[in-house]
PDB file of N, CA and C in Angstrom:
ATOM      1  N   MET A   1     -18.528 -37.662 151.735  1.00  0.00           N
ATOM      2  CA  MET A   1     -17.430 -37.751 150.842  1.00  0.00           C
ATOM      3  C   MET A   1     -17.158 -36.132 150.938  1.00  0.00           C
ATOM      4  N   ALA A   2     -15.884 -35.865 151.011  1.00  0.00           N
ATOM      5  CA  ALA A   2     -15.316 -34.536 151.131  1.00  0.00           C
ATOM      6  C   ALA A   2     -15.226 -33.649 150.189  1.00  0.00           C
ATOM      7  N   ALA A   3     -15.630 -32.473 149.976  1.00  0.00           N
ATOM      8  CA  ALA A   3     -15.192 -31.680 148.914  1.00  0.00           C
ATOM      9  C   ALA A   3     -13.821 -31.475 148.459  1.00  0.00           C
ATOM     10  N   PRO A   4     -13.236 -31.484 147.115  1.00  0.00           N
ATOM     11  CA  PRO A   4     -12.017 -31.176 146.656  1.00  0.00           C
ATOM     12  C   PRO A   4     -11.786 -29.853 146.929  1.00  0.00           C
ATOM     13  N   ASN A   5     -10.335 -29.912 147.079  1.00  0.00           N
ATOM     14  CA  ASN A   5      -9.747 -28.539 147.685  1.00  0.00           C
ATOM     15  C   ASN A   5      -9.769 -27.778 146.592  1.00  0.00           C
ATOM     16  N   LEU A   6     -10.053 -26.611 146.348  1.00  0.00           N
ATOM     17  CA  LEU A   6      -9.627 -25.625 145.105  1.00  0.00           C
ATOM     18  C   LEU A   6      -8.475 -25.242 145.014  1.00  0.00           C
ATOM     19  N   THR A   7      -7.922 -25.019 144.003  1.00  0.00           N
ATOM     20  CA  THR A   7      -6.419 -24.566 143.916  1.00  0.00           C
ATOM     21  C   THR A   7      -6.388 -23.500 143.250  1.00  0.00           C
ATOM     22  N   LEU A   8      -5.571 -22.619 143.658  1.00  0.00           N
ATOM     23  CA  LEU A   8      -5.130 -21.050 142.864  1.00  0.00           C
ATOM     24  C   LEU A   8      -3.887 -21.191 142.568  1.00  0.00           C
ATOM     25  N   SER A   9      -3.728 -20.459 141.190  1.00  0.00           N
ATOM     26  CA  SER A   9      -2.492 -20.464 140.887  1.00  0.00           C
ATOM     27  C   SER A   9      -1.592 -19.287 141.283  1.00  0.00           C
ATOM     28  N   ALA A  10      -0.378 -19.361 141.498  1.00  0.00           N
ATOM     29  CA  ALA A  10       0.333 -17.879 142.033  1.00  0.00           C
ATOM     30  C   ALA A  10       1.992 -18.223 141.039  1.00  0.00           C
ATOM     31  N   PRO A  11       2.210 -16.978 140.636  1.00  0.00           N
ATOM     32  CA  PRO A  11       3.443 -16.559 140.414  1.00  0.00           C
ATOM     33  C   PRO A  11       4.221 -16.813 141.188  1.00  0.00           C
ATOM     34  N   TRP A  12       5.112 -17.706 140.672  1.00  0.00           N
ATOM     35  CA  TRP A  12       6.779 -18.131 141.375  1.00  0.00           C
ATOM     36  C   TRP A  12       7.772 -18.126 140.978  1.00  0.00           C
ATOM     37  N   PHE A  13       9.213 -17.381 141.882  1.00  0.00           N
ATOM     38  CA  PHE A  13      10.291 -16.892 141.140  1.00  0.00           C
ATOM     39  C   PHE A  13      11.247 -17.795 141.596  1.00  0.00           C
ATOM     40  N   SER A  14      12.664 -17.903 140.896  1.00  0.00           N
ATOM     41  CA  SER A  14      13.869 -18.491 141.821  1.00  0.00           C
ATOM     42  C   SER A  14      14.538 -17.351 142.412  1.00  0.00           C
ATOM     43  N   ARG A  15      15.269 -17.811 143.184  1.00  0.00           N
ATOM     44  CA  ARG A  15      16.231 -16.868 143.871  1.00  0.00           C
ATOM     45  C   ARG A  15      17.316 -16.265 142.714  1.00  0.00           C
ATOM     46  N   SER A  16      17.552 -17.463 141.938  1.00  0.00           N
ATOM     47  CA  SER A  16      18.540 -16.606 140.741  1.00  0.00           C
ATOM     48  C   SER A  16      18.239 -15.460 139.649  1.00  0.00           C
ATOM     49  N   ASP A  17      16.782 -16.078 139.671  1.00  0.00           N
ATOM     50  CA  ASP A  17      16.031 -14.975 138.663  1.00  0.00           C
ATOM     51  C   ASP A  17      15.458 -13.862 139.245  1.00  0.00           C
ATOM     52  N   TYR A  18      15.449 -13.667 140.497  1.00  0.00           N
ATOM     53  CA  TYR A  18      14.684 -12.485 140.982  1.00  0.00           C
ATOM     54  C   TYR A  18      15.273 -11.194 140.846  1.00  0.00           C
ATOM     55  N   PRO A  19      16.632 -10.969 140.906  1.00  0.00           N
ATOM     56  CA  PRO A  19      16.942  -9.616 140.126  1.00  0.00           C
ATOM     57  C   PRO A  19      16.753  -9.104 138.628  1.00  0.00           C
ATOM     58  N   ALA A  20      16.818 -10.504 138.116  1.00  0.00           N
ATOM     59  CA  ALA A  20      16.592 -10.156 136.542  1.00  0.00           C
ATOM     60  C   ALA A  20      14.987  -9.852 136.442  1.00  0.00           C
ATOM     61  N   LEU A  21      14.179 -10.129 137.345  1.00  0.00           N
ATOM     62  CA  LEU A  21      12.696  -9.950 136.884  1.00  0.00           C
ATOM     63  C   LEU A  21      12.230  -8.563 137.598  1.00  0.00           C
ATOM     64  N   LEU A  22      12.749  -8.373 138.612  1.00  0.00           N
ATOM     65  CA  LEU A  22      12.869  -7.074 138.984  1.00  0.00           C
ATOM     66  C   LEU A  22      13.115  -5.744 138.095  1.00  0.00           C
ATOM     67  N   GLU A  23      14.347  -6.256 137.298  1.00  0.00           N
ATOM     68  CA  GLU A  23      14.478  -5.255 136.430  1.00  0.00           C
ATOM     69  C   GLU A  23      13.402  -5.118 135.153  1.00  0.00           C
ATOM     70  N   LEU A  24      12.909  -6.104 135.063  1.00  0.00           N
ATOM     71  CA  LEU A  24      11.841  -6.399 133.857  1.00  0.00           C
ATOM     72  C   LEU A  24      10.630  -6.214 134.288  1.00  0.00           C
ATOM     73  N   PHE A  25       9.847  -6.533 135.286  1.00  0.00           N
ATOM     74  CA  PHE A  25       8.813  -6.016 136.132  1.00  0.00           C
ATOM     75  C   PHE A  25       8.351  -4.433 135.914  1.00  0.00           C
ATOM     76  N   SER A  26       7.461  -3.783 135.848  1.00  0.00           N
ATOM     77  CA  SER A  26       7.087  -2.352 135.214  1.00  0.00           C
ATOM     78  C   SER A  26       6.942  -2.046 136.789  1.00  0.00           C
ATOM     79  N   ASP A  27       6.650  -2.860 137.612  1.00  0.00           N
ATOM     80  CA  ASP A  27       6.062  -2.367 139.110  1.00  0.00           C
ATOM     81  C   ASP A  27       6.572  -3.018 139.809  1.00  0.00           C
ATOM     82  N   ALA A  28       8.205  -3.097 139.935  1.00  0.00           N
ATOM     83  CA  ALA A  28       9.095  -3.930 140.713  1.00  0.00           C
ATOM     84  C   ALA A  28       8.955  -2.940 142.237  1.00  0.00           C
ATOM     85  N   ASN A  29       8.657  -1.707 142.104  1.00  0.00           N
ATOM     86  CA  ASN A  29       8.979  -0.940 143.246  1.00  0.00           C
ATOM     87  C   ASN A  29       7.439  -1.802 144.512  1.00  0.00           C
ATOM     88  N   LYS A  30       6.658  -2.392 143.860  1.00  0.00           N
ATOM     89  CA  LYS A  30       5.431  -2.937 144.572  1.00  0.00           C
ATOM     90  C   LYS A  30       5.883  -4.652 145.016  1.00  0.00           C
ATOM     91  N   LEU A  31       7.074  -4.691 144.960  1.00  0.00           N
ATOM     92  CA  LEU A  31       7.675  -6.198 145.245  1.00  0.00           C
ATOM     93  C   LEU A  31       9.066  -6.037 146.449  1.00  0.00           C
ATOM     94  N   PRO A  32       8.945  -6.936 146.795  1.00  0.00           N
ATOM     95  CA  PRO A  32      10.141  -6.669 147.956  1.00  0.00           C
ATOM     96  C   PRO A  32      11.507  -6.647 147.220  1.00  0.00           C
ATOM     97  N   THR A  33      12.584  -5.964 147.737  1.00  0.00           N
ATOM     98  CA  THR A  33      13.750  -5.965 147.189  1.00  0.00           C
ATOM     99  C   THR A  33      14.745  -6.824 147.100  1.00  0.00           C
ATOM    100  N   THR A  34      14.397  -7.912 148.242  1.00  0.00           N
ATOM    101  CA  THR A  34      15.454  -9.208 148.333  1.00  0.00           C
ATOM    102  C   THR A  34      14.346 -10.433 147.952  1.00  0.00           C
ATOM    103  N   TYR A  35      15.092 -11.163 147.328  1.00  0.00           N
ATOM    104  CA  TYR A  35      14.342 -12.717 147.486  1.00  0.00           C
ATOM    105  C   TYR A  35      13.530 -13.216 148.554  1.00  0.00           C
ATOM    106  N   ASP A  36      14.593 -13.191 149.583  1.00  0.00           N
ATOM    107  CA  ASP A  36      14.354 -13.757 150.888  1.00  0.00           C
ATOM    108  C   ASP A  36      12.932 -12.669 151.714  1.00  0.00           C
ATOM    109  N   ALA A  37      12.847 -11.630 151.237  1.00  0.00           N
ATOM    110  CA  ALA A  37      11.744 -10.888 151.599  1.00  0.00           C
ATOM    111  C   ALA A  37      10.368 -11.528 150.837  1.00  0.00           C
ATOM    112  N   TRP A  38      10.740 -11.257 149.399  1.00  0.00           N
ATOM    113  CA  TRP A  38       9.535 -12.009 148.629  1.00  0.00           C
ATOM    114  C   TRP A  38       9.258 -13.352 149.368  1.00  0.00           C
ATOM    115  N   LEU A  39      10.236 -13.955 149.472  1.00  0.00           N
ATOM    116  CA  LEU A  39       9.528 -15.708 149.520  1.00  0.00           C
ATOM    117  C   LEU A  39       9.101 -15.462 150.919  1.00  0.00           C
ATOM    118  N   GLU A  40       9.624 -14.651 151.774  1.00  0.00           N
ATOM    119  CA  GLU A  40       8.599 -14.826 153.272  1.00  0.00           C
ATOM    120  C   GLU A  40       7.007 -14.207 153.069  1.00  0.00           C
ATOM    121  N   ARG A  41       7.139 -13.396 152.075  1.00  0.00           N
ATOM    122  CA  ARG A  41       5.496 -13.163 151.892  1.00  0.00           C
ATOM    123  C   ARG A  41       4.977 -13.806 151.032  1.00  0.00           C
ATOM    124  N   ALA A  42       5.579 -14.346 150.056  1.00  0.00           N
ATOM    125  CA  ALA A  42       4.626 -15.514 149.470  1.00  0.00           C
ATOM    126  C   ALA A  42       4.338 -16.680 150.223  1.00  0.00           C
ATOM    127  N   LYS A  43       5.275 -17.244 150.876  1.00  0.00           N
ATOM    128  CA  LYS A  43       4.721 -18.318 152.139  1.00  0.00           C
ATOM    129  C   LYS A  43       3.999 -17.784 152.775  1.00  0.00           C
ATOM    130  N   GLY A  44       3.635 -16.846 153.592  1.00  0.00           N
ATOM    131  CA  GLY A  44       2.764 -16.497 154.436  1.00  0.00           C
ATOM    132  C   GLY A  44       1.421 -16.166 153.584  1.00  0.00           C
ATOM    133  N   VAL A  45       1.428 -15.933 152.618  1.00  0.00           N
ATOM    134  CA  VAL A  45      -0.085 -15.818 151.456  1.00  0.00           C
ATOM    135  C   VAL A  45      -0.236 -17.283 151.295  1.00  0.00           C
ATOM    136  N   GLU A  46       0.741 -17.744 150.843  1.00  0.00           N
ATOM    137  CA  GLU A  46       0.496 -19.413 150.670  1.00  0.00           C
ATOM    138  C   GLU A  46      -0.516 -20.136 151.883  1.00  0.00           C
ATOM    139  N   ARG A  47       0.148 -19.928 153.219  1.00  0.00           N
ATOM    140  CA  ARG A  47      -0.178 -20.336 154.566  1.00  0.00           C
ATOM    141  C   ARG A  47      -1.531 -19.768 154.312  1.00  0.00           C
ATOM    142  N   GLN A  48      -1.894 -18.431 154.399  1.00  0.00           N
ATOM    143  CA  GLN A  48      -3.057 -18.040 154.494  1.00  0.00           C
ATOM    144  C   GLN A  48      -4.214 -18.376 153.873  1.00  0.00           C
ATOM    145  N   PHE A  49      -3.936 -18.755 152.275  1.00  0.00           N
ATOM    146  CA  PHE A  49      -4.806 -19.721 151.748  1.00  0.00           C
ATOM    147  C   PHE A  49      -5.114 -20.889 151.930  1.00  0.00           C
ATOM    148  N   GLN A  50      -3.805 -21.661 152.341  1.00  0.00           N
ATOM    149  CA  GLN A  50      -4.475 -23.127 153.233  1.00  0.00           C
ATOM    150  C   GLN A  50      -5.073 -23.313 153.959  1.00  0.00           C
ATOM    151  N   LYS A  51      -4.726 -21.983 154.782  1.00  0.00           N
ATOM    152  CA  LYS A  51      -5.363 -22.186 156.213  1.00  0.00           C
ATOM    153  C   LYS A  51      -7.325 -21.765 155.712  1.00  0.00           C
ATOM    154  N   ALA A  52      -7.284 -21.291 154.802  1.00  0.00           N
ATOM    155  CA  ALA A  52      -8.771 -21.200 154.058  1.00  0.00           C
ATOM    156  C   ALA A  52      -9.382 -22.437 152.889  1.00  0.00           C
ATOM    157  N   GLY A  53      -8.418 -23.387 152.969  1.00  0.00           N
ATOM    158  CA  GLY A  53      -9.192 -24.926 152.670  1.00  0.00           C
ATOM    159  C   GLY A  53      -8.319 -24.681 150.995  1.00  0.00           C
ATOM    160  N   LEU A  54      -7.631 -23.717 150.476  1.00  0.00           N
ATOM    161  CA  LEU A  54      -7.289 -23.735 149.271  1.00  0.00           C
ATOM    162  C   LEU A  54      -5.917 -23.956 149.354  1.00  0.00           C
ATOM    163  N   ASP A  55      -5.661 -24.942 148.010  1.00  0.00           N
ATOM    164  CA  ASP A  55      -4.429 -24.997 147.492  1.00  0.00           C
ATOM    165  C   ASP A  55      -3.598 -23.980 146.755  1.00  0.00           C
ATOM    166  N   ILE A  56      -2.019 -24.103 146.780  1.00  0.00           N
ATOM    167  CA  ILE A  56      -1.578 -23.166 145.542  1.00  0.00           C
ATOM    168  C   ILE A  56      -0.753 -23.794 144.756  1.00  0.00           C
ATOM    169  N   SER A  57      -1.151 -23.526 143.461  1.00  0.00           N
ATOM    170  CA  SER A  57      -0.225 -24.417 142.393  1.00  0.00           C
ATOM    171  C   SER A  57       1.027 -23.083 142.049  1.00  0.00           C
ATOM    172  N   LYS A  58       2.042 -23.531 142.368  1.00  0.00           N
ATOM    173  CA  LYS A  58       3.055 -22.307 141.884  1.00  0.00           C
ATOM    174  C   LYS A  58       3.458 -22.547 140.451  1.00  0.00           C
ATOM    175  N   THR A  59       3.452 -21.351 139.587  1.00  0.00           N
ATOM    176  CA  THR A  59       3.797 -21.380 138.175  1.00  0.00           C
ATOM    177  C   THR A  59       4.965 -20.585 138.127  1.00  0.00           C
ATOM    178  N   TRP A  60       6.153 -21.050 137.527  1.00  0.00           N
ATOM    179  CA  TRP A  60       7.527 -20.198 137.488  1.00  0.00           C
ATOM    180  C   TRP A  60       7.373 -19.130 136.378  1.00  0.00           C
ATOM    181  N   ILE A  61       7.896 -18.179 136.946  1.00  0.00           N
ATOM    182  CA  ILE A  61       8.139 -16.837 135.978  1.00  0.00           C
ATOM    183  C   ILE A  61       9.263 -17.157 135.997  1.00  0.00           C
ATOM    184  N   ARG A  62       9.935 -17.249 134.516  1.00  0.00           N
ATOM    185  CA  ARG A  62      11.494 -16.882 134.051  1.00  0.00           C
ATOM    186  C   ARG A  62      11.285 -15.759 133.240  1.00  0.00           C
ATOM    187  N   PRO A  63      12.537 -15.033 133.584  1.00  0.00           N
ATOM    188  CA  PRO A  63      12.942 -13.484 132.689  1.00  0.00           C
ATOM    189  C   PRO A  63      12.590 -13.702 131.303  1.00  0.00           C
ATOM    190  N   ILE A  64      13.081 -14.594 130.580  1.00  0.00           N
ATOM    191  CA  ILE A  64      13.450 -14.545 129.482  1.00  0.00           C
ATOM    192  C   ILE A  64      11.902 -14.949 128.401  1.00  0.00           C
ATOM    193  N   PRO A  65      11.604 -15.813 129.001  1.00  0.00           N
ATOM    194  CA  PRO A  65      10.147 -16.452 128.297  1.00  0.00           C
ATOM    195  C   PRO A  65       9.288 -15.388 128.769  1.00  0.00           C
ATOM    196  N   PHE A  66       9.092 -14.697 129.958  1.00  0.00           N
ATOM    197  CA  PHE A  66       7.838 -13.821 130.208  1.00  0.00           C
ATOM    198  C   PHE A  66       8.014 -12.661 129.337  1.00  0.00           C
ATOM    199  N   ALA A  67       9.542 -12.125 129.520  1.00  0.00           N
ATOM    200  CA  ALA A  67       9.410 -10.913 128.510  1.00  0.00           C
ATOM    201  C   ALA A  67       9.173 -11.260 127.375  1.00  0.00           C
ATOM    202  N   ALA A  68       9.140 -12.211 126.866  1.00  0.00           N
ATOM    203  CA  ALA A  68       8.734 -12.596 125.314  1.00  0.00           C
ATOM    204  C   ALA A  68       7.231 -12.651 125.104  1.00  0.00           C
ATOM    205  N   TRP A  69       6.706 -12.817 125.972  1.00  0.00           N
ATOM    206  CA  TRP A  69       5.234 -13.331 126.251  1.00  0.00           C
ATOM    207  C   TRP A  69       4.671 -12.252 126.571  1.00  0.00           C
ATOM    208  N   CYS A  70       5.304 -11.248 127.170  1.00  0.00           N
ATOM    209  CA  CYS A  70       4.517  -9.357 127.101  1.00  0.00           C
ATOM    210  C   CYS A  70       4.903  -9.123 125.746  1.00  0.00           C
ATOM    211  N   ASP A  71       6.158  -9.179 125.467  1.00  0.00           N
ATOM    212  CA  ASP A  71       6.098  -8.551 123.938  1.00  0.00           C
ATOM    213  C   ASP A  71       5.295  -9.040 122.978  1.00  0.00           C
ATOM    214  N   GLU A  72       5.023 -10.373 122.613  1.00  0.00           N
ATOM    215  CA  GLU A  72       4.176 -10.648 121.819  1.00  0.00           C
ATOM    216  C   GLU A  72       2.884 -10.335 122.118  1.00  0.00           C
ATOM    217  N   ARG A  73       2.111  -9.928 123.034  1.00  0.00           N
ATOM    218  CA  ARG A  73       0.942  -9.412 123.482  1.00  0.00           C
ATOM    219  C   ARG A  73       1.021  -7.887 123.541  1.00  0.00           C
ATOM    220  N   ASN A  74       2.174  -7.556 123.857  1.00  0.00           N
ATOM    221  CA  ASN A  74       2.745  -5.540 123.630  1.00  0.00           C
ATOM    222  C   ASN A  74       1.493  -5.350 125.178  1.00  0.00           C
ATOM    223  N   ILE A  75       2.020  -6.018 126.068  1.00  0.00           N
ATOM    224  CA  ILE A  75       1.419  -5.562 127.399  1.00  0.00           C
ATOM    225  C   ILE A  75       2.519  -5.129 128.079  1.00  0.00           C
ATOM    226  N   SER A  76       2.381  -4.721 129.261  1.00  0.00           N
ATOM    227  CA  SER A  76       3.377  -3.965 130.059  1.00  0.00           C
ATOM    228  C   SER A  76       3.887  -5.355 131.424  1.00  0.00           C
ATOM    229  N   PRO A  77       4.982  -5.889 131.656  1.00  0.00           N
ATOM    230  CA  PRO A  77       5.307  -6.961 132.748  1.00  0.00           C
ATOM    231  C   PRO A  77       4.981  -6.267 133.697  1.00  0.00           C
ATOM    232  N   ASP A  78       3.765  -6.272 134.327  1.00  0.00           N
ATOM    233  CA  ASP A  78       3.323  -6.010 135.485  1.00  0.00           C
ATOM    234  C   ASP A  78       2.402  -6.999 136.265  1.00  0.00           C
ATOM    235  N   GLN A  79       1.820  -6.821 137.367  1.00  0.00           N
ATOM    236  CA  GLN A  79       1.214  -7.695 138.096  1.00  0.00           C
ATOM    237  C   GLN A  79      -0.232  -8.253 137.155  1.00  0.00           C
ATOM    238  N   VAL A  80      -0.417  -7.655 136.651  1.00  0.00           N
ATOM    239  CA  VAL A  80      -1.509  -8.077 135.795  1.00  0.00           C
ATOM    240  C   VAL A  80      -1.267  -9.136 135.033  1.00  0.00           C
ATOM    241  N   ALA A  81      -0.150  -8.736 133.860  1.00  0.00           N
ATOM    242  CA  ALA A  81       0.523  -9.515 132.772  1.00  0.00           C
ATOM    243  C   ALA A  81       0.539 -11.116 133.758  1.00  0.00           C
ATOM    244  N   ARG A  82       1.513 -10.880 135.034  1.00  0.00           N
ATOM    245  CA  ARG A  82       1.919 -12.082 135.657  1.00  0.00           C
ATOM    246  C   ARG A  82       0.813 -13.178 135.720  1.00  0.00           C
ATOM    247  N   LEU A  83      -0.397 -12.275 136.275  1.00  0.00           N
ATOM    248  CA  LEU A  83      -1.624 -13.570 136.565  1.00  0.00           C
ATOM    249  C   LEU A  83      -2.126 -13.809 135.490  1.00  0.00           C
ATOM    250  N   ILE A  84      -2.176 -13.021 134.328  1.00  0.00           N
ATOM    251  CA  ILE A  84      -2.786 -13.818 133.352  1.00  0.00           C
ATOM    252  C   ILE A  84      -1.607 -15.068 132.702  1.00  0.00           C
ATOM    253  N   PHE A  85      -0.270 -14.294 132.686  1.00  0.00           N
ATOM    254  CA  PHE A  85       0.592 -15.619 132.357  1.00  0.00           C
ATOM    255  C   PHE A  85       0.443 -16.778 133.251  1.00  0.00           C
ATOM    256  N   VAL A  86       0.137 -16.667 134.390  1.00  0.00           N
ATOM    257  CA  VAL A  86       0.002 -18.089 135.425  1.00  0.00           C
ATOM    258  C   VAL A  86      -1.087 -18.516 134.765  1.00  0.00           C
ATOM    259  N   ASN A  87      -2.589 -17.855 134.437  1.00  0.00           N
ATOM    260  CA  ASN A  87      -3.526 -18.738 134.353  1.00  0.00           C
ATOM    261  C   ASN A  87      -3.612 -19.158 132.922  1.00  0.00           C
ATOM    262  N   GLU A  88      -3.125 -18.629 132.059  1.00  0.00           N
ATOM    263  CA  GLU A  88      -2.599 -19.223 130.493  1.00  0.00           C
ATOM    264  C   GLU A  88      -1.724 -20.584 130.926  1.00  0.00           C
ATOM    265  N   ALA A  89      -0.854 -20.470 131.520  1.00  0.00           N
ATOM    266  CA  ALA A  89      -0.266 -21.726 132.069  1.00  0.00           C
ATOM    267  C   ALA A  89      -0.850 -23.106 132.297  1.00  0.00           C
ATOM    268  N   VAL A  90      -1.538 -22.629 133.345  1.00  0.00           N
ATOM    269  CA  VAL A  90      -2.385 -23.494 134.318  1.00  0.00           C
ATOM    270  C   VAL A  90      -3.111 -23.970 133.315  1.00  0.00           C
ATOM    271  N   GLN A  91      -4.069 -23.341 132.228  1.00  0.00           N
ATOM    272  CA  GLN A  91      -4.882 -23.793 131.156  1.00  0.00           C
ATOM    273  C   GLN A  91      -4.530 -24.513 130.200  1.00  0.00           C
ATOM    274  N   ASP A  92      -3.309 -24.224 129.559  1.00  0.00           N
ATOM    275  CA  ASP A  92      -2.595 -25.186 128.774  1.00  0.00           C
ATOM    276  C   ASP A  92      -2.186 -26.466 129.406  1.00  0.00           C
ATOM    277  N   LEU A  93      -1.782 -26.299 130.596  1.00  0.00           N
ATOM    278  CA  LEU A  93      -1.479 -27.557 131.108  1.00  0.00           C
ATOM    279  C   LEU A  93      -2.764 -28.732 131.676  1.00  0.00           C
ATOM    280  N   LEU A  94      -3.615 -27.945 132.026  1.00  0.00           N
ATOM    281  CA  LEU A  94      -5.081 -28.590 131.895  1.00  0.00           C
ATOM    282  C   LEU A  94      -5.530 -29.245 130.382  1.00  0.00           C
ATOM    283  N   GLU A  95      -5.580 -28.421 129.523  1.00  0.00           N
ATOM    284  CA  GLU A  95      -5.979 -29.072 128.266  1.00  0.00           C
ATOM    285  C   GLU A  95      -4.941 -30.004 127.508  1.00  0.00           C
ATOM    286  N   SER A  96      -3.689 -30.111 127.884  1.00  0.00           N
ATOM    287  CA  SER A  96      -2.613 -30.889 127.322  1.00  0.00           C
ATOM    288  C   SER A  96      -3.129 -32.222 127.904  1.00  0.00           C
ATOM    289  N   ARG A  97      -3.277 -32.063 129.660  1.00  0.00           N
ATOM    290  CA  ARG A  97      -3.849 -33.422 130.098  1.00  0.00           C
ATOM    291  C   ARG A  97      -5.051 -33.877 129.674  1.00  0.00           C
ATOM    292  N   GLN A  98      -5.917 -33.479 128.905  1.00  0.00           N
ATOM    293  CA  GLN A  98      -7.157 -33.694 128.469  1.00  0.00           C
ATOM    294  C   GLN A  98      -7.301 -34.653 126.941  1.00  0.00           C
ATOM    295  N   HIS A  99      -5.472 -34.412 126.568  1.00  0.00           N
ATOM    296  CA  HIS A  99      -5.636 -35.028 125.073  1.00  0.00           C
ATOM    297  C   HIS A  99      -4.751 -36.425 125.200  1.00  0.00           C
TER     298      HIS A  99
END
């Protein structure tokens, strides 16, 4: 019996939201300036994880809900916040499936 694959959560963005997200993120300088460049990089990372036997679960980050989430917690909208947001979203999903 094969062991189940591990799944990692990753922040994912839509093309239409990308410009607004770059305006929102306090660390936008660490991200590609175009959506196509970001998507190419994100898919490359996804392939690397898949080669290592890991699956990627894409969690969509939208500008308005993410900004509100950051404001509620008084945290900067940066990479750390994106990862916490994604992990909380996955945890909420898993908990909702248990009920």
